[in-house]
Protein backbone atom coordinates (compact mmCIF):
# COMPACT_ATOMS: atom_id res chain seq x y z
CA MET A 1 95.07 144.71 133.36
CA SER A 2 91.60 144.29 132.10
CA GLU A 3 90.02 140.95 131.47
CA GLU A 4 90.11 141.54 127.72
CA GLN A 5 93.88 141.98 127.72
CA THR A 6 94.62 138.75 129.65
CA ALA A 7 92.21 136.48 127.80
CA THR A 8 93.80 134.12 125.32
CA PRO A 9 92.51 134.22 121.78
CA PRO A 10 90.20 131.36 120.80
CA ALA A 11 92.05 128.32 119.55
CA GLN A 12 92.10 127.81 115.83
CA PRO A 13 90.78 124.44 114.68
CA ALA A 14 93.60 122.07 113.90
CA ALA A 15 94.27 121.70 110.21
CA LYS A 16 93.26 118.29 108.92
CA LYS A 17 96.21 116.11 108.15
CA ALA A 18 96.33 114.74 104.66
CA LYS A 19 95.49 111.06 104.59
CA PRO A 20 98.35 108.89 103.45
CA PRO A 21 97.64 107.14 100.17
CA ALA A 22 95.98 103.74 100.48
CA LEU A 23 98.12 100.65 100.00
CA GLU A 24 96.01 99.80 96.99
CA ASP A 25 97.03 103.09 95.31
CA LYS A 26 100.60 101.84 94.93
CA PRO A 27 101.69 100.64 91.50
CA PHE A 28 100.11 97.25 90.83
CA GLN A 29 103.27 95.10 90.93
CA GLU A 30 104.61 96.86 94.02
CA PHE A 31 101.32 96.33 95.88
CA VAL A 32 101.22 92.62 95.04
CA GLN A 33 104.89 91.95 95.85
CA VAL A 34 105.27 94.19 98.91
CA ASP A 35 101.83 93.93 100.51
CA LEU A 36 99.68 91.10 99.16
CA LEU A 37 102.23 88.26 98.97
CA PRO A 38 103.54 88.74 102.53
CA ALA A 39 99.98 89.06 103.86
CA VAL A 40 98.88 85.81 102.17
CA ARG A 41 102.05 84.05 103.35
CA GLN A 42 101.48 85.20 106.94
CA ALA A 43 97.79 84.27 106.91
CA LEU A 44 98.52 80.76 105.60
CA SER A 45 101.35 80.36 108.09
CA ASP A 46 99.03 81.46 110.90
CA ARG A 47 96.73 78.59 109.88
CA GLY A 48 99.51 76.05 110.36
CA LEU A 49 100.80 75.65 106.80
CA VAL A 50 104.56 75.34 106.74
CA ASP A 51 105.84 74.62 103.23
CA ILE A 52 104.16 77.56 101.52
CA ASP A 53 105.48 78.58 98.12
CA LEU A 54 104.09 81.88 96.81
CA GLN A 55 105.14 83.51 93.57
CA PHE A 56 104.05 86.46 91.50
CA VAL A 57 104.62 85.61 87.85
CA GLU A 58 103.39 86.44 84.39
CA ALA A 59 102.30 83.13 82.87
CA PRO A 60 99.57 81.54 80.75
CA LEU A 61 96.33 80.84 82.57
CA PRO A 62 95.26 77.21 82.75
CA VAL A 63 92.39 76.25 80.46
CA VAL A 64 92.43 79.42 78.28
CA GLY A 65 96.15 80.05 77.86
CA ASP A 66 96.00 83.85 78.02
CA ARG A 67 99.08 85.34 79.69
CA CYS A 68 98.50 87.45 82.77
CA TRP A 69 100.02 88.30 86.13
CA GLN A 70 99.28 85.63 88.72
CA LEU A 71 99.74 85.10 92.39
CA GLN A 72 100.49 81.38 92.48
CA GLY A 73 100.53 79.47 95.74
CA SER A 74 101.19 75.90 96.77
CA TRP A 75 101.86 73.83 99.86
CA ALA A 76 101.78 70.18 100.98
CA LYS A 77 104.78 69.48 98.73
CA GLY A 78 102.95 71.06 95.80
CA GLN A 79 99.86 68.89 96.21
CA ARG A 80 97.60 71.86 96.94
CA ARG A 81 97.81 74.71 94.44
CA PHE A 82 95.89 77.86 93.69
CA LEU A 83 96.27 80.92 91.56
CA LEU A 84 94.77 84.35 91.49
CA GLY A 85 95.03 85.80 87.99
CA PHE A 86 94.83 89.52 87.23
CA THR A 87 93.67 90.11 83.65
CA ALA A 88 95.29 93.58 83.67
CA GLU A 89 97.81 95.41 85.83
CA ASN A 90 95.04 96.97 87.86
CA LEU A 91 93.34 95.73 91.03
CA THR A 92 89.91 96.64 89.72
CA ALA A 93 90.33 94.69 86.47
CA PRO A 94 88.59 91.30 86.23
CA LYS A 95 90.28 88.59 88.26
CA VAL A 96 90.11 84.78 88.10
CA PHE A 97 90.81 82.05 90.63
CA SER A 98 91.78 78.44 90.06
CA LEU A 99 92.55 75.45 92.28
CA ALA A 100 94.24 72.11 91.76
CA ASP A 101 94.70 69.19 94.15
CA GLY A 102 97.19 66.39 93.78
CA LYS A 103 98.74 65.93 90.38
CA ALA A 104 95.63 67.15 88.53
CA ALA A 105 95.91 70.24 86.37
CA PRO A 106 93.51 73.11 87.08
CA ALA A 107 90.37 72.50 85.02
CA THR A 108 88.32 75.63 85.71
CA LEU A 109 88.72 79.36 86.13
CA GLU A 110 86.29 81.12 88.43
CA ALA A 111 85.49 84.82 88.40
CA PHE A 112 86.93 86.37 91.55
CA LEU A 113 85.65 89.54 93.26
CA GLY A 114 83.76 90.55 90.15
CA ASP A 115 81.08 92.56 91.95
CA GLU A 116 83.38 94.61 94.15
CA ARG A 117 84.07 98.21 93.16
CA LYS A 118 86.80 98.88 95.70
CA ILE A 119 89.48 96.24 96.10
CA THR A 120 91.47 96.43 99.32
CA LEU A 121 94.19 94.28 100.84
CA PRO A 122 91.90 92.98 103.63
CA LEU A 123 89.19 92.13 101.09
CA LEU A 124 91.59 90.26 98.80
CA LEU A 125 93.09 88.38 101.72
CA ASN A 126 89.71 87.50 103.17
CA ARG A 127 88.35 86.18 99.89
CA ILE A 128 91.47 84.16 99.08
CA LEU A 129 91.32 82.51 102.50
CA SER A 130 87.56 81.99 102.22
CA ARG A 131 87.96 80.27 98.86
CA LEU A 132 90.72 78.00 100.15
CA ASP A 133 88.72 77.24 103.28
CA GLY A 134 85.73 76.44 101.05
CA GLN A 135 87.84 73.58 99.68
CA LYS A 136 88.46 72.54 103.30
CA TRP A 137 92.16 73.07 102.69
CA LEU A 138 92.75 75.28 105.72
CA ALA A 139 90.88 73.38 108.43
CA GLN A 140 91.09 69.83 109.63
CA ASN A 141 87.85 67.97 108.88
């Protein structure tokens, strides 16, 4: 046999696999309930919080009263509370954040992730934890 007959043909480049859709491409409510809530719960639990109550509800926002979907969280027997409000059923829509300590009602709404074009689960989680830590609610001081 000649060398040409025994040589193997050059390998074809492997076809690129299609990337699975990003978590954030899921329907809004599914993403929040299936991915965001458990991630926030786990992150707070990892920081030593034990009586965490997280809910995803449609309710009026404090201060302004507009109804929107909210991730509401509390711990320390309800003495520490926060909410992340979504003004539309879309992760890129404007979001607001509010905090309340003790029996006080939330008095302010802060813009949340307003400058970000791409909203991802790690980004949301990081900024929620950063905001709570900014209140010194996650670390012993």
